[in-house]
Amino acid sequence: MRSDVLIKTEPVLDPDAAVAVTTDAQAVRIAVAGELDELGARPLQRAILDALRRHRPRHITIDLDGVTFLDTAGIKALVQSRADAGQLDCRLRLSNPRPVVYRVLHIVGLLAPFGL
C-alpha cells in the first residue's frame, strides 16, 4: 500500500454535510459528497482543521469522488486548507475528482499543487 493512501478505520460523519473522516497513525482521509459551494465548503474546512489539530497527520487526502459541483467558495476552501496544512508540514492532496470537478481544477491551475 502506498504511504499516502489511508488504511480506513472508524469513520466519523460530520452531521452538517456529507464529509466522512478516517484516520490512521500517519494520514487522514476525508471523503466529500455533494456540492463544494459556500455551504458545502464549511464542513470540509472544519473537518480539515479538526484533523490537523487532533491528529497532526503528515498527509491528508481529500477524496472528491462524491463531489458534483465546485465553485469559487469550494476552491477558496481547498486553497486555504492546503495553506493551513502546509504550516504544520502536512501534505494535502486531492483524489478521484469527477470530470466536471477535474475540469474546474485544471482551469484554475490547481491540478499540480494538489497532486493530480
PDB file of N, CA and C in Angstrom:
ATOM      1  N   MET A   1       0.849  -1.183   0.000  1.00  0.00           N
ATOM      2  CA  MET A   1       0.000   0.000   0.000  1.00  0.00           C
ATOM      3  C   MET A   1       0.888   1.238   0.000  1.00  0.00           C
ATOM      4  N   ARG A   2       0.558   2.218  -0.812  1.00  0.00           N
ATOM      5  CA  ARG A   2       1.329   3.460  -0.863  1.00  0.00           C
ATOM      6  C   ARG A   2       1.198   4.206   0.451  1.00  0.00           C
ATOM      7  N   SER A   3       2.239   4.952   0.804  1.00  0.00           N
ATOM      8  CA  SER A   3       2.247   5.643   2.092  1.00  0.00           C
ATOM      9  C   SER A   3       1.241   6.782   2.157  1.00  0.00           C
ATOM     10  N   ASP A   4       0.813   7.312   1.002  1.00  0.00           N
ATOM     11  CA  ASP A   4      -0.138   8.411   1.029  1.00  0.00           C
ATOM     12  C   ASP A   4      -1.586   7.931   0.961  1.00  0.00           C
ATOM     13  N   VAL A   5      -1.780   6.617   0.950  1.00  0.00           N
ATOM     14  CA  VAL A   5      -3.120   6.054   0.950  1.00  0.00           C
ATOM     15  C   VAL A   5      -3.448   5.634   2.369  1.00  0.00           C
ATOM     16  N   LEU A   6      -4.624   5.924   2.788  1.00  0.00           N
ATOM     17  CA  LEU A   6      -5.021   5.701   4.170  1.00  0.00           C
ATOM     18  C   LEU A   6      -5.653   4.339   4.372  1.00  0.00           C
ATOM     19  N   ILE A   7      -5.293   3.685   5.445  1.00  0.00           N
ATOM     20  CA  ILE A   7      -5.988   2.484   5.872  1.00  0.00           C
ATOM     21  C   ILE A   7      -7.199   2.957   6.660  1.00  0.00           C
ATOM     22  N   LYS A   8      -8.382   2.585   6.201  1.00  0.00           N
ATOM     23  CA  LYS A   8      -9.596   3.064   6.848  1.00  0.00           C
ATOM     24  C   LYS A   8      -9.757   2.464   8.235  1.00  0.00           C
ATOM     25  N   THR A   9     -10.161   3.323   9.150  1.00  0.00           N
ATOM     26  CA  THR A   9     -10.511   2.869  10.486  1.00  0.00           C
ATOM     27  C   THR A   9     -11.938   3.317  10.731  1.00  0.00           C
ATOM     28  N   GLU A  10     -12.244   3.752  11.894  1.00  0.00           N
ATOM     29  CA  GLU A  10     -13.615   4.141  12.202  1.00  0.00           C
ATOM     30  C   GLU A  10     -13.963   5.474  11.560  1.00  0.00           C
ATOM     31  N   PRO A  11     -14.980   5.496  10.670  1.00  0.00           N
ATOM     32  CA  PRO A  11     -15.366   6.765  10.066  1.00  0.00           C
ATOM     33  C   PRO A  11     -16.190   7.613  11.026  1.00  0.00           C
ATOM     34  N   VAL A  12     -16.019   8.911  10.918  1.00  0.00           N
ATOM     35  CA  VAL A  12     -16.795   9.872  11.687  1.00  0.00           C
ATOM     36  C   VAL A  12     -17.514  10.749  10.677  1.00  0.00           C
ATOM     37  N   LEU A  13     -18.823  10.821  10.757  1.00  0.00           N
ATOM     38  CA  LEU A  13     -19.587  11.584   9.785  1.00  0.00           C
ATOM     39  C   LEU A  13     -19.973  12.929  10.361  1.00  0.00           C
ATOM     40  N   ASP A  14     -19.618  13.992   9.658  1.00  0.00           N
ATOM     41  CA  ASP A  14     -19.990  15.342  10.056  1.00  0.00           C
ATOM     42  C   ASP A  14     -21.494  15.492   9.831  1.00  0.00           C
ATOM     43  N   PRO A  15     -22.276  15.839  10.853  1.00  0.00           N
ATOM     44  CA  PRO A  15     -23.726  15.913  10.689  1.00  0.00           C
ATOM     45  C   PRO A  15     -24.183  17.052   9.786  1.00  0.00           C
ATOM     46  N   ASP A  16     -23.349  18.049   9.523  1.00  0.00           N
ATOM     47  CA  ASP A  16     -23.748  19.189   8.708  1.00  0.00           C
ATOM     48  C   ASP A  16     -23.596  18.967   7.214  1.00  0.00           C
ATOM     49  N   ALA A  17     -22.854  17.955   6.807  1.00  0.00           N
ATOM     50  CA  ALA A  17     -22.632  17.713   5.388  1.00  0.00           C
ATOM     51  C   ALA A  17     -22.126  16.302   5.208  1.00  0.00           C
ATOM     52  N   ALA A  18     -21.997  15.919   3.965  1.00  0.00           N
ATOM     53  CA  ALA A  18     -21.504  14.586   3.664  1.00  0.00           C
ATOM     54  C   ALA A  18     -19.982  14.615   3.639  1.00  0.00           C
ATOM     55  N   VAL A  19     -19.390  14.669   4.819  1.00  0.00           N
ATOM     56  CA  VAL A  19     -17.937  14.681   4.974  1.00  0.00           C
ATOM     57  C   VAL A  19     -17.592  13.547   5.935  1.00  0.00           C
ATOM     58  N   ALA A  20     -16.957  12.506   5.422  1.00  0.00           N
ATOM     59  CA  ALA A  20     -16.563  11.369   6.265  1.00  0.00           C
ATOM     60  C   ALA A  20     -15.066  11.401   6.451  1.00  0.00           C
ATOM     61  N   VAL A  21     -14.623  11.255   7.696  1.00  0.00           N
ATOM     62  CA  VAL A  21     -13.203  11.334   8.036  1.00  0.00           C
ATOM     63  C   VAL A  21     -12.745   9.983   8.573  1.00  0.00           C
ATOM     64  N   THR A  22     -11.624   9.482   8.021  1.00  0.00           N
ATOM     65  CA  THR A  22     -10.989   8.287   8.558  1.00  0.00           C
ATOM     66  C   THR A  22      -9.532   8.627   8.837  1.00  0.00           C
ATOM     67  N   THR A  23      -8.960   7.973   9.832  1.00  0.00           N
ATOM     68  CA  THR A  23      -7.589   8.298  10.230  1.00  0.00           C
ATOM     69  C   THR A  23      -6.777   7.039  10.486  1.00  0.00           C
ATOM     70  N   ASP A  24      -5.468   7.199  10.418  1.00  0.00           N
ATOM     71  CA  ASP A  24      -4.536   6.209  10.914  1.00  0.00           C
ATOM     72  C   ASP A  24      -3.374   6.968  11.539  1.00  0.00           C
ATOM     73  N   ALA A  25      -2.280   6.312  11.816  1.00  0.00           N
ATOM     74  CA  ALA A  25      -1.176   6.949  12.535  1.00  0.00           C
ATOM     75  C   ALA A  25      -0.500   8.071  11.757  1.00  0.00           C
ATOM     76  N   GLN A  26      -0.527   8.032  10.448  1.00  0.00           N
ATOM     77  CA  GLN A  26       0.218   8.992   9.644  1.00  0.00           C
ATOM     78  C   GLN A  26      -0.655   9.861   8.741  1.00  0.00           C
ATOM     79  N   ALA A  27      -1.875   9.453   8.490  1.00  0.00           N
ATOM     80  CA  ALA A  27      -2.661  10.128   7.461  1.00  0.00           C
ATOM     81  C   ALA A  27      -4.129  10.241   7.844  1.00  0.00           C
ATOM     82  N   VAL A  28      -4.780  11.155   7.161  1.00  0.00           N
ATOM     83  CA  VAL A  28      -6.210  11.366   7.307  1.00  0.00           C
ATOM     84  C   VAL A  28      -6.806  11.333   5.907  1.00  0.00           C
ATOM     85  N   ARG A  29      -7.937  10.678   5.771  1.00  0.00           N
ATOM     86  CA  ARG A  29      -8.661  10.657   4.503  1.00  0.00           C
ATOM     87  C   ARG A  29     -10.025  11.273   4.761  1.00  0.00           C
ATOM     88  N   ILE A  30     -10.384  12.236   3.918  1.00  0.00           N
ATOM     89  CA  ILE A  30     -11.673  12.898   4.039  1.00  0.00           C
ATOM     90  C   ILE A  30     -12.426  12.695   2.733  1.00  0.00           C
ATOM     91  N   ALA A  31     -13.545  12.003   2.811  1.00  0.00           N
ATOM     92  CA  ALA A  31     -14.392  11.781   1.640  1.00  0.00           C
ATOM     93  C   ALA A  31     -15.514  12.808   1.657  1.00  0.00           C
ATOM     94  N   VAL A  32     -15.673  13.492   0.530  1.00  0.00           N
ATOM     95  CA  VAL A  32     -16.659  14.561   0.435  1.00  0.00           C
ATOM     96  C   VAL A  32     -17.703  14.167  -0.602  1.00  0.00           C
ATOM     97  N   ALA A  33     -18.963  14.471  -0.320  1.00  0.00           N
ATOM     98  CA  ALA A  33     -20.034  14.217  -1.271  1.00  0.00           C
ATOM     99  C   ALA A  33     -20.923  15.447  -1.350  1.00  0.00           C
ATOM    100  N   GLY A  34     -21.454  15.689  -2.523  1.00  0.00           N
ATOM    101  CA  GLY A  34     -22.356  16.815  -2.723  1.00  0.00           C
ATOM    102  C   GLY A  34     -21.659  17.978  -3.386  1.00  0.00           C
ATOM    103  N   GLU A  35     -22.105  19.168  -3.083  1.00  0.00           N
ATOM    104  CA  GLU A  35     -21.593  20.379  -3.712  1.00  0.00           C
ATOM    105  C   GLU A  35     -20.589  21.088  -2.812  1.00  0.00           C
ATOM    106  N   LEU A  36     -19.433  21.440  -3.383  1.00  0.00           N
ATOM    107  CA  LEU A  36     -18.460  22.252  -2.648  1.00  0.00           C
ATOM    108  C   LEU A  36     -18.676  23.700  -3.057  1.00  0.00           C
ATOM    109  N   ASP A  37     -19.694  24.273  -2.450  1.00  0.00           N
ATOM    110  CA  ASP A  37     -20.026  25.680  -2.651  1.00  0.00           C
ATOM    111  C   ASP A  37     -19.921  26.360  -1.295  1.00  0.00           C
ATOM    112  N   GLU A  38     -20.506  27.521  -1.140  1.00  0.00           N
ATOM    113  CA  GLU A  38     -20.414  28.272   0.121  1.00  0.00           C
ATOM    114  C   GLU A  38     -20.843  27.428   1.326  1.00  0.00           C
ATOM    115  N   LEU A  39     -21.918  26.681   1.190  1.00  0.00           N
ATOM    116  CA  LEU A  39     -22.394  25.869   2.312  1.00  0.00           C
ATOM    117  C   LEU A  39     -21.605  24.576   2.471  1.00  0.00           C
ATOM    118  N   GLY A  40     -21.307  23.908   1.376  1.00  0.00           N
ATOM    119  CA  GLY A  40     -20.615  22.630   1.439  1.00  0.00           C
ATOM    120  C   GLY A  40     -19.152  22.738   1.813  1.00  0.00           C
ATOM    121  N   ALA A  41     -18.543  23.888   1.557  1.00  0.00           N
ATOM    122  CA  ALA A  41     -17.120  24.064   1.854  1.00  0.00           C
ATOM    123  C   ALA A  41     -16.870  24.204   3.359  1.00  0.00           C
ATOM    124  N   ARG A  42     -17.802  24.749   4.078  1.00  0.00           N
ATOM    125  CA  ARG A  42     -17.606  24.975   5.521  1.00  0.00           C
ATOM    126  C   ARG A  42     -17.351  23.692   6.306  1.00  0.00           C
ATOM    127  N   PRO A  43     -18.196  22.667   6.129  1.00  0.00           N
ATOM    128  CA  PRO A  43     -17.933  21.425   6.867  1.00  0.00           C
ATOM    129  C   PRO A  43     -16.605  20.781   6.479  1.00  0.00           C
ATOM    130  N   LEU A  44     -16.219  20.907   5.216  1.00  0.00           N
ATOM    131  CA  LEU A  44     -14.935  20.368   4.788  1.00  0.00           C
ATOM    132  C   LEU A  44     -13.799  21.085   5.494  1.00  0.00           C
ATOM    133  N   GLN A  45     -13.839  22.399   5.531  1.00  0.00           N
ATOM    134  CA  GLN A  45     -12.784  23.153   6.216  1.00  0.00           C
ATOM    135  C   GLN A  45     -12.740  22.806   7.693  1.00  0.00           C
ATOM    136  N   ARG A  46     -13.896  22.670   8.330  1.00  0.00           N
ATOM    137  CA  ARG A  46     -13.934  22.293   9.747  1.00  0.00           C
ATOM    138  C   ARG A  46     -13.298  20.925   9.956  1.00  0.00           C
ATOM    139  N   ALA A  47     -13.605  19.996   9.064  1.00  0.00           N
ATOM    140  CA  ALA A  47     -13.061  18.643   9.188  1.00  0.00           C
ATOM    141  C   ALA A  47     -11.539  18.652   9.023  1.00  0.00           C
ATOM    142  N   ILE A  48     -11.045  19.445   8.087  1.00  0.00           N
ATOM    143  CA  ILE A  48      -9.595  19.530   7.871  1.00  0.00           C
ATOM    144  C   ILE A  48      -8.907  20.157   9.073  1.00  0.00           C
ATOM    145  N   LEU A  49      -9.441  21.278   9.545  1.00  0.00           N
ATOM    146  CA  LEU A  49      -8.842  21.927  10.715  1.00  0.00           C
ATOM    147  C   LEU A  49      -8.879  21.023  11.937  1.00  0.00           C
ATOM    148  N   ASP A  50      -9.973  20.314  12.121  1.00  0.00           N
ATOM    149  CA  ASP A  50     -10.100  19.391  13.240  1.00  0.00           C
ATOM    150  C   ASP A  50      -9.066  18.266  13.121  1.00  0.00           C
ATOM    151  N   ALA A  51      -8.904  17.736  11.922  1.00  0.00           N
ATOM    152  CA  ALA A  51      -7.914  16.668  11.709  1.00  0.00           C
ATOM    153  C   ALA A  51      -6.501  17.174  11.971  1.00  0.00           C
ATOM    154  N   LEU A  52      -6.202  18.385  11.531  1.00  0.00           N
ATOM    155  CA  LEU A  52      -4.873  18.953  11.762  1.00  0.00           C
ATOM    156  C   LEU A  52      -4.608  19.130  13.252  1.00  0.00           C
ATOM    157  N   ARG A  53      -5.604  19.604  13.980  1.00  0.00           N
ATOM    158  CA  ARG A  53      -5.432  19.832  15.417  1.00  0.00           C
ATOM    159  C   ARG A  53      -5.330  18.529  16.203  1.00  0.00           C
ATOM    160  N   ARG A  54      -6.204  17.583  15.894  1.00  0.00           N
ATOM    161  CA  ARG A  54      -6.272  16.347  16.670  1.00  0.00           C
ATOM    162  C   ARG A  54      -5.177  15.346  16.337  1.00  0.00           C
ATOM    163  N   HIS A  55      -4.879  15.214  15.055  1.00  0.00           N
ATOM    164  CA  HIS A  55      -4.034  14.106  14.620  1.00  0.00           C
ATOM    165  C   HIS A  55      -2.640  14.505  14.145  1.00  0.00           C
ATOM    166  N   ARG A  56      -2.443  15.779  13.819  1.00  0.00           N
ATOM    167  CA  ARG A  56      -1.145  16.229  13.287  1.00  0.00           C
ATOM    168  C   ARG A  56      -0.619  15.273  12.212  1.00  0.00           C
ATOM    169  N   PRO A  57      -1.431  14.977  11.176  1.00  0.00           N
ATOM    170  CA  PRO A  57      -1.015  13.996  10.170  1.00  0.00           C
ATOM    171  C   PRO A  57       0.069  14.540   9.250  1.00  0.00           C
ATOM    172  N   ARG A  58       0.768  13.634   8.605  1.00  0.00           N
ATOM    173  CA  ARG A  58       1.743  14.029   7.586  1.00  0.00           C
ATOM    174  C   ARG A  58       1.067  14.209   6.238  1.00  0.00           C
ATOM    175  N   HIS A  59      -0.063  13.510   6.052  1.00  0.00           N
ATOM    176  CA  HIS A  59      -0.792  13.561   4.786  1.00  0.00           C
ATOM    177  C   HIS A  59      -2.283  13.660   5.061  1.00  0.00           C
ATOM    178  N   ILE A  60      -2.954  14.475   4.269  1.00  0.00           N
ATOM    179  CA  ILE A  60      -4.408  14.481   4.232  1.00  0.00           C
ATOM    180  C   ILE A  60      -4.791  14.286   2.779  1.00  0.00           C
ATOM    181  N   THR A  61      -5.647  13.311   2.533  1.00  0.00           N
ATOM    182  CA  THR A  61      -6.177  13.079   1.199  1.00  0.00           C
ATOM    183  C   THR A  61      -7.660  13.404   1.217  1.00  0.00           C
ATOM    184  N   ILE A  62      -8.063  14.259   0.306  1.00  0.00           N
ATOM    185  CA  ILE A  62      -9.475  14.600   0.171  1.00  0.00           C
ATOM    186  C   ILE A  62      -9.999  13.876  -1.060  1.00  0.00           C
ATOM    187  N   ASP A  63     -10.905  12.931  -0.833  1.00  0.00           N
ATOM    188  CA  ASP A  63     -11.496  12.143  -1.904  1.00  0.00           C
ATOM    189  C   ASP A  63     -12.705  12.897  -2.447  1.00  0.00           C
ATOM    190  N   LEU A  64     -12.607  13.317  -3.704  1.00  0.00           N
ATOM    191  CA  LEU A  64     -13.648  14.136  -4.323  1.00  0.00           C
ATOM    192  C   LEU A  64     -14.621  13.328  -5.174  1.00  0.00           C
ATOM    193  N   ASP A  65     -14.581  12.012  -5.077  1.00  0.00           N
ATOM    194  CA  ASP A  65     -15.420  11.175  -5.929  1.00  0.00           C
ATOM    195  C   ASP A  65     -16.907  11.522  -5.834  1.00  0.00           C
ATOM    196  N   GLY A  66     -17.357  11.943  -4.672  1.00  0.00           N
ATOM    197  CA  GLY A  66     -18.767  12.256  -4.488  1.00  0.00           C
ATOM    198  C   GLY A  66     -19.131  13.710  -4.743  1.00  0.00           C
ATOM    199  N   VAL A  67     -18.154  14.538  -5.119  1.00  0.00           N
ATOM    200  CA  VAL A  67     -18.416  15.963  -5.329  1.00  0.00           C
ATOM    201  C   VAL A  67     -19.008  16.173  -6.725  1.00  0.00           C
ATOM    202  N   THR A  68     -20.170  16.797  -6.748  1.00  0.00           N
ATOM    203  CA  THR A  68     -20.878  17.015  -8.013  1.00  0.00           C
ATOM    204  C   THR A  68     -20.747  18.432  -8.552  1.00  0.00           C
ATOM    205  N   PHE A  69     -20.240  19.349  -7.721  1.00  0.00           N
ATOM    206  CA  PHE A  69     -20.148  20.757  -8.118  1.00  0.00           C
ATOM    207  C   PHE A  69     -19.042  21.415  -7.306  1.00  0.00           C
ATOM    208  N   LEU A  70     -18.267  22.277  -7.957  1.00  0.00           N
ATOM    209  CA  LEU A  70     -17.193  23.010  -7.288  1.00  0.00           C
ATOM    210  C   LEU A  70     -17.215  24.444  -7.794  1.00  0.00           C
ATOM    211  N   ASP A  71     -17.401  25.398  -6.876  1.00  0.00           N
ATOM    212  CA  ASP A  71     -17.385  26.809  -7.275  1.00  0.00           C
ATOM    213  C   ASP A  71     -16.249  27.529  -6.568  1.00  0.00           C
ATOM    214  N   THR A  72     -16.229  28.845  -6.669  1.00  0.00           N
ATOM    215  CA  THR A  72     -15.122  29.630  -6.112  1.00  0.00           C
ATOM    216  C   THR A  72     -15.003  29.473  -4.596  1.00  0.00           C
ATOM    217  N   ALA A  73     -16.115  29.318  -3.906  1.00  0.00           N
ATOM    218  CA  ALA A  73     -16.046  29.119  -2.454  1.00  0.00           C
ATOM    219  C   ALA A  73     -15.369  27.790  -2.133  1.00  0.00           C
ATOM    220  N   GLY A  74     -15.663  26.765  -2.901  1.00  0.00           N
ATOM    221  CA  GLY A  74     -15.013  25.478  -2.706  1.00  0.00           C
ATOM    222  C   GLY A  74     -13.534  25.538  -3.031  1.00  0.00           C
ATOM    223  N   ILE A  75     -13.201  26.238  -4.109  1.00  0.00           N
ATOM    224  CA  ILE A  75     -11.799  26.405  -4.487  1.00  0.00           C
ATOM    225  C   ILE A  75     -11.053  27.156  -3.391  1.00  0.00           C
ATOM    226  N   LYS A  76     -11.651  28.220  -2.904  1.00  0.00           N
ATOM    227  CA  LYS A  76     -11.026  29.010  -1.830  1.00  0.00           C
ATOM    228  C   LYS A  76     -10.808  28.145  -0.590  1.00  0.00           C
ATOM    229  N   ALA A  77     -11.785  27.315  -0.248  1.00  0.00           N
ATOM    230  CA  ALA A  77     -11.659  26.438   0.915  1.00  0.00           C
ATOM    231  C   ALA A  77     -10.515  25.445   0.730  1.00  0.00           C
ATOM    232  N   LEU A  78     -10.382  24.894  -0.467  1.00  0.00           N
ATOM    233  CA  LEU A  78      -9.302  23.948  -0.731  1.00  0.00           C
ATOM    234  C   LEU A  78      -7.941  24.625  -0.643  1.00  0.00           C
ATOM    235  N   VAL A  79      -7.825  25.802  -1.232  1.00  0.00           N
ATOM    236  CA  VAL A  79      -6.547  26.527  -1.216  1.00  0.00           C
ATOM    237  C   VAL A  79      -6.181  26.930   0.211  1.00  0.00           C
ATOM    238  N   GLN A  80      -7.148  27.432   0.968  1.00  0.00           N
ATOM    239  CA  GLN A  80      -6.877  27.819   2.356  1.00  0.00           C
ATOM    240  C   GLN A  80      -6.507  26.604   3.197  1.00  0.00           C
ATOM    241  N   SER A  81      -7.195  25.501   2.967  1.00  0.00           N
ATOM    242  CA  SER A  81      -6.900  24.281   3.713  1.00  0.00           C
ATOM    243  C   SER A  81      -5.508  23.766   3.387  1.00  0.00           C
ATOM    244  N   ARG A  82      -5.103  23.876   2.137  1.00  0.00           N
ATOM    245  CA  ARG A  82      -3.750  23.469   1.746  1.00  0.00           C
ATOM    246  C   ARG A  82      -2.710  24.329   2.473  1.00  0.00           C
ATOM    247  N   ALA A  83      -2.968  25.630   2.569  1.00  0.00           N
ATOM    248  CA  ALA A  83      -2.059  26.529   3.285  1.00  0.00           C
ATOM    249  C   ALA A  83      -2.016  26.183   4.771  1.00  0.00           C
ATOM    250  N   ASP A  84      -3.174  25.921   5.369  1.00  0.00           N
ATOM    251  CA  ASP A  84      -3.225  25.537   6.784  1.00  0.00           C
ATOM    252  C   ASP A  84      -2.425  24.260   7.032  1.00  0.00           C
ATOM    253  N   ALA A  85      -2.599  23.271   6.166  1.00  0.00           N
ATOM    254  CA  ALA A  85      -1.876  22.009   6.303  1.00  0.00           C
ATOM    255  C   ALA A  85      -0.371  22.229   6.139  1.00  0.00           C
ATOM    256  N   GLY A  86      -0.001  23.047   5.186  1.00  0.00           N
ATOM    257  CA  GLY A  86       1.412  23.319   4.927  1.00  0.00           C
ATOM    258  C   GLY A  86       2.117  23.939   6.116  1.00  0.00           C
ATOM    259  N   GLN A  87       1.407  24.746   6.891  1.00  0.00           N
ATOM    260  CA  GLN A  87       2.008  25.360   8.067  1.00  0.00           C
ATOM    261  C   GLN A  87       2.388  24.323   9.120  1.00  0.00           C
ATOM    262  N   LEU A  88       1.761  23.156   9.051  1.00  0.00           N
ATOM    263  CA  LEU A  88       2.057  22.087  10.005  1.00  0.00           C
ATOM    264  C   LEU A  88       2.817  20.946   9.333  1.00  0.00           C
ATOM    265  N   ASP A  89       3.466  21.244   8.207  1.00  0.00           N
ATOM    266  CA  ASP A  89       4.233  20.242   7.449  1.00  0.00           C
ATOM    267  C   ASP A  89       3.389  19.033   7.067  1.00  0.00           C
ATOM    268  N   CYS A  90       2.165  19.293   6.703  1.00  0.00           N
ATOM    269  CA  CYS A  90       1.245  18.256   6.266  1.00  0.00           C
ATOM    270  C   CYS A  90       0.964  18.470   4.778  1.00  0.00           C
ATOM    271  N   ARG A  91       1.022  17.398   4.024  1.00  0.00           N
ATOM    272  CA  ARG A  91       0.750  17.475   2.584  1.00  0.00           C
ATOM    273  C   ARG A  91      -0.725  17.180   2.351  1.00  0.00           C
ATOM    274  N   LEU A  92      -1.428  18.116   1.726  1.00  0.00           N
ATOM    275  CA  LEU A  92      -2.832  17.941   1.407  1.00  0.00           C
ATOM    276  C   LEU A  92      -2.942  17.663  -0.088  1.00  0.00           C
ATOM    277  N   ARG A  93      -3.561  16.551  -0.426  1.00  0.00           N
ATOM    278  CA  ARG A  93      -3.742  16.206  -1.827  1.00  0.00           C
ATOM    279  C   ARG A  93      -5.193  15.838  -2.092  1.00  0.00           C
ATOM    280  N   LEU A  94      -5.574  15.931  -3.356  1.00  0.00           N
ATOM    281  CA  LEU A  94      -6.921  15.570  -3.778  1.00  0.00           C
ATOM    282  C   LEU A  94      -6.860  14.262  -4.546  1.00  0.00           C
ATOM    283  N   SER A  95      -7.950  13.513  -4.512  1.00  0.00           N
ATOM    284  CA  SER A  95      -8.021  12.283  -5.285  1.00  0.00           C
ATOM    285  C   SER A  95      -9.426  12.094  -5.850  1.00  0.00           C
ATOM    286  N   ASN A  96      -9.499  11.334  -6.899  1.00  0.00           N
ATOM    287  CA  ASN A  96     -10.758  10.882  -7.521  1.00  0.00           C
ATOM    288  C   ASN A  96     -11.747  11.976  -7.917  1.00  0.00           C
ATOM    289  N   PRO A  97     -11.298  13.099  -8.464  1.00  0.00           N
ATOM    290  CA  PRO A  97     -12.296  14.094  -8.868  1.00  0.00           C
ATOM    291  C   PRO A  97     -13.091  13.615 -10.076  1.00  0.00           C
ATOM    292  N   ARG A  98     -14.366  13.915 -10.082  1.00  0.00           N
ATOM    293  CA  ARG A  98     -15.196  13.647 -11.253  1.00  0.00           C
ATOM    294  C   ARG A  98     -14.741  14.572 -12.379  1.00  0.00           C
ATOM    295  N   PRO A  99     -15.060  14.235 -13.616  1.00  0.00           N
ATOM    296  CA  PRO A  99     -14.607  15.061 -14.742  1.00  0.00           C
ATOM    297  C   PRO A  99     -14.968  16.542 -14.622  1.00  0.00           C
ATOM    298  N   VAL A 100     -16.144  16.863 -14.137  1.00  0.00           N
ATOM    299  CA  VAL A 100     -16.542  18.269 -14.021  1.00  0.00           C
ATOM    300  C   VAL A 100     -15.685  18.988 -12.982  1.00  0.00           C
ATOM    301  N   VAL A 101     -15.352  18.326 -11.903  1.00  0.00           N
ATOM    302  CA  VAL A 101     -14.510  18.916 -10.862  1.00  0.00           C
ATOM    303  C   VAL A 101     -13.065  18.995 -11.349  1.00  0.00           C
ATOM    304  N   TYR A 102     -12.608  17.957 -12.014  1.00  0.00           N
ATOM    305  CA  TYR A 102     -11.258  17.948 -12.573  1.00  0.00           C
ATOM    306  C   TYR A 102     -11.081  19.123 -13.536  1.00  0.00           C
ATOM    307  N   ARG A 103     -12.084  19.355 -14.358  1.00  0.00           N
ATOM    308  CA  ARG A 103     -12.009  20.452 -15.344  1.00  0.00           C
ATOM    309  C   ARG A 103     -11.870  21.803 -14.643  1.00  0.00           C
ATOM    310  N   VAL A 104     -12.638  22.041 -13.600  1.00  0.00           N
ATOM    311  CA  VAL A 104     -12.544  23.302 -12.858  1.00  0.00           C
ATOM    312  C   VAL A 104     -11.152  23.451 -12.258  1.00  0.00           C
ATOM    313  N   LEU A 105     -10.644  22.391 -11.642  1.00  0.00           N
ATOM    314  CA  LEU A 105      -9.311  22.449 -11.046  1.00  0.00           C
ATOM    315  C   LEU A 105      -8.243  22.688 -12.112  1.00  0.00           C
ATOM    316  N   HIS A 106      -8.432  22.110 -13.280  1.00  0.00           N
ATOM    317  CA  HIS A 106      -7.499  22.328 -14.386  1.00  0.00           C
ATOM    318  C   HIS A 106      -7.535  23.789 -14.844  1.00  0.00           C
ATOM    319  N   ILE A 107      -8.718  24.337 -15.005  1.00  0.00           N
ATOM    320  CA  ILE A 107      -8.882  25.718 -15.487  1.00  0.00           C
ATOM    321  C   ILE A 107      -8.203  26.708 -14.548  1.00  0.00           C
ATOM    322  N   VAL A 108      -8.316  26.477 -13.250  1.00  0.00           N
ATOM    323  CA  VAL A 108      -7.738  27.422 -12.285  1.00  0.00           C
ATOM    324  C   VAL A 108      -6.298  27.067 -11.911  1.00  0.00           C
ATOM    325  N   GLY A 109      -5.734  26.044 -12.538  1.00  0.00           N
ATOM    326  CA  GLY A 109      -4.335  25.718 -12.325  1.00  0.00           C
ATOM    327  C   GLY A 109      -4.009  25.027 -11.017  1.00  0.00           C
ATOM    328  N   LEU A 110      -4.935  24.238 -10.508  1.00  0.00           N
ATOM    329  CA  LEU A 110      -4.715  23.603  -9.206  1.00  0.00           C
ATOM    330  C   LEU A 110      -4.471  22.104  -9.263  1.00  0.00           C
ATOM    331  N   LEU A 111      -4.294  21.547 -10.446  1.00  0.00           N
ATOM    332  CA  LEU A 111      -4.050  20.112 -10.525  1.00  0.00           C
ATOM    333  C   LEU A 111      -2.730  19.731  -9.873  1.00  0.00           C
ATOM    334  N   ALA A 112      -1.655  20.343 -10.305  1.00  0.00           N
ATOM    335  CA  ALA A 112      -0.320  20.008  -9.778  1.00  0.00           C
ATOM    336  C   ALA A 112      -0.181  20.320  -8.284  1.00  0.00           C
ATOM    337  N   PRO A 113      -0.617  21.496  -7.826  1.00  0.00           N
ATOM    338  CA  PRO A 113      -0.456  21.781  -6.393  1.00  0.00           C
ATOM    339  C   PRO A 113      -1.166  20.786  -5.471  1.00  0.00           C
ATOM    340  N   PHE A 114      -2.210  20.149  -5.997  1.00  0.00           N
ATOM    341  CA  PHE A 114      -2.958  19.180  -5.189  1.00  0.00           C
ATOM    342  C   PHE A 114      -2.649  17.735  -5.560  1.00  0.00           C
ATOM    343  N   GLY A 115      -1.574  17.511  -6.303  1.00  0.00           N
ATOM    344  CA  GLY A 115      -1.132  16.161  -6.597  1.00  0.00           C
ATOM    345  C   GLY A 115      -1.928  15.413  -7.630  1.00  0.00           C
ATOM    346  N   LEU A 116      -2.609  16.143  -8.509  1.00  0.00           N
ATOM    347  CA  LEU A 116      -3.370  15.495  -9.570  1.00  0.00           C
ATOM    348  C   LEU A 116      -2.648  15.563 -10.895  1.00  0.00           C
TER     349      LEU A 116
END
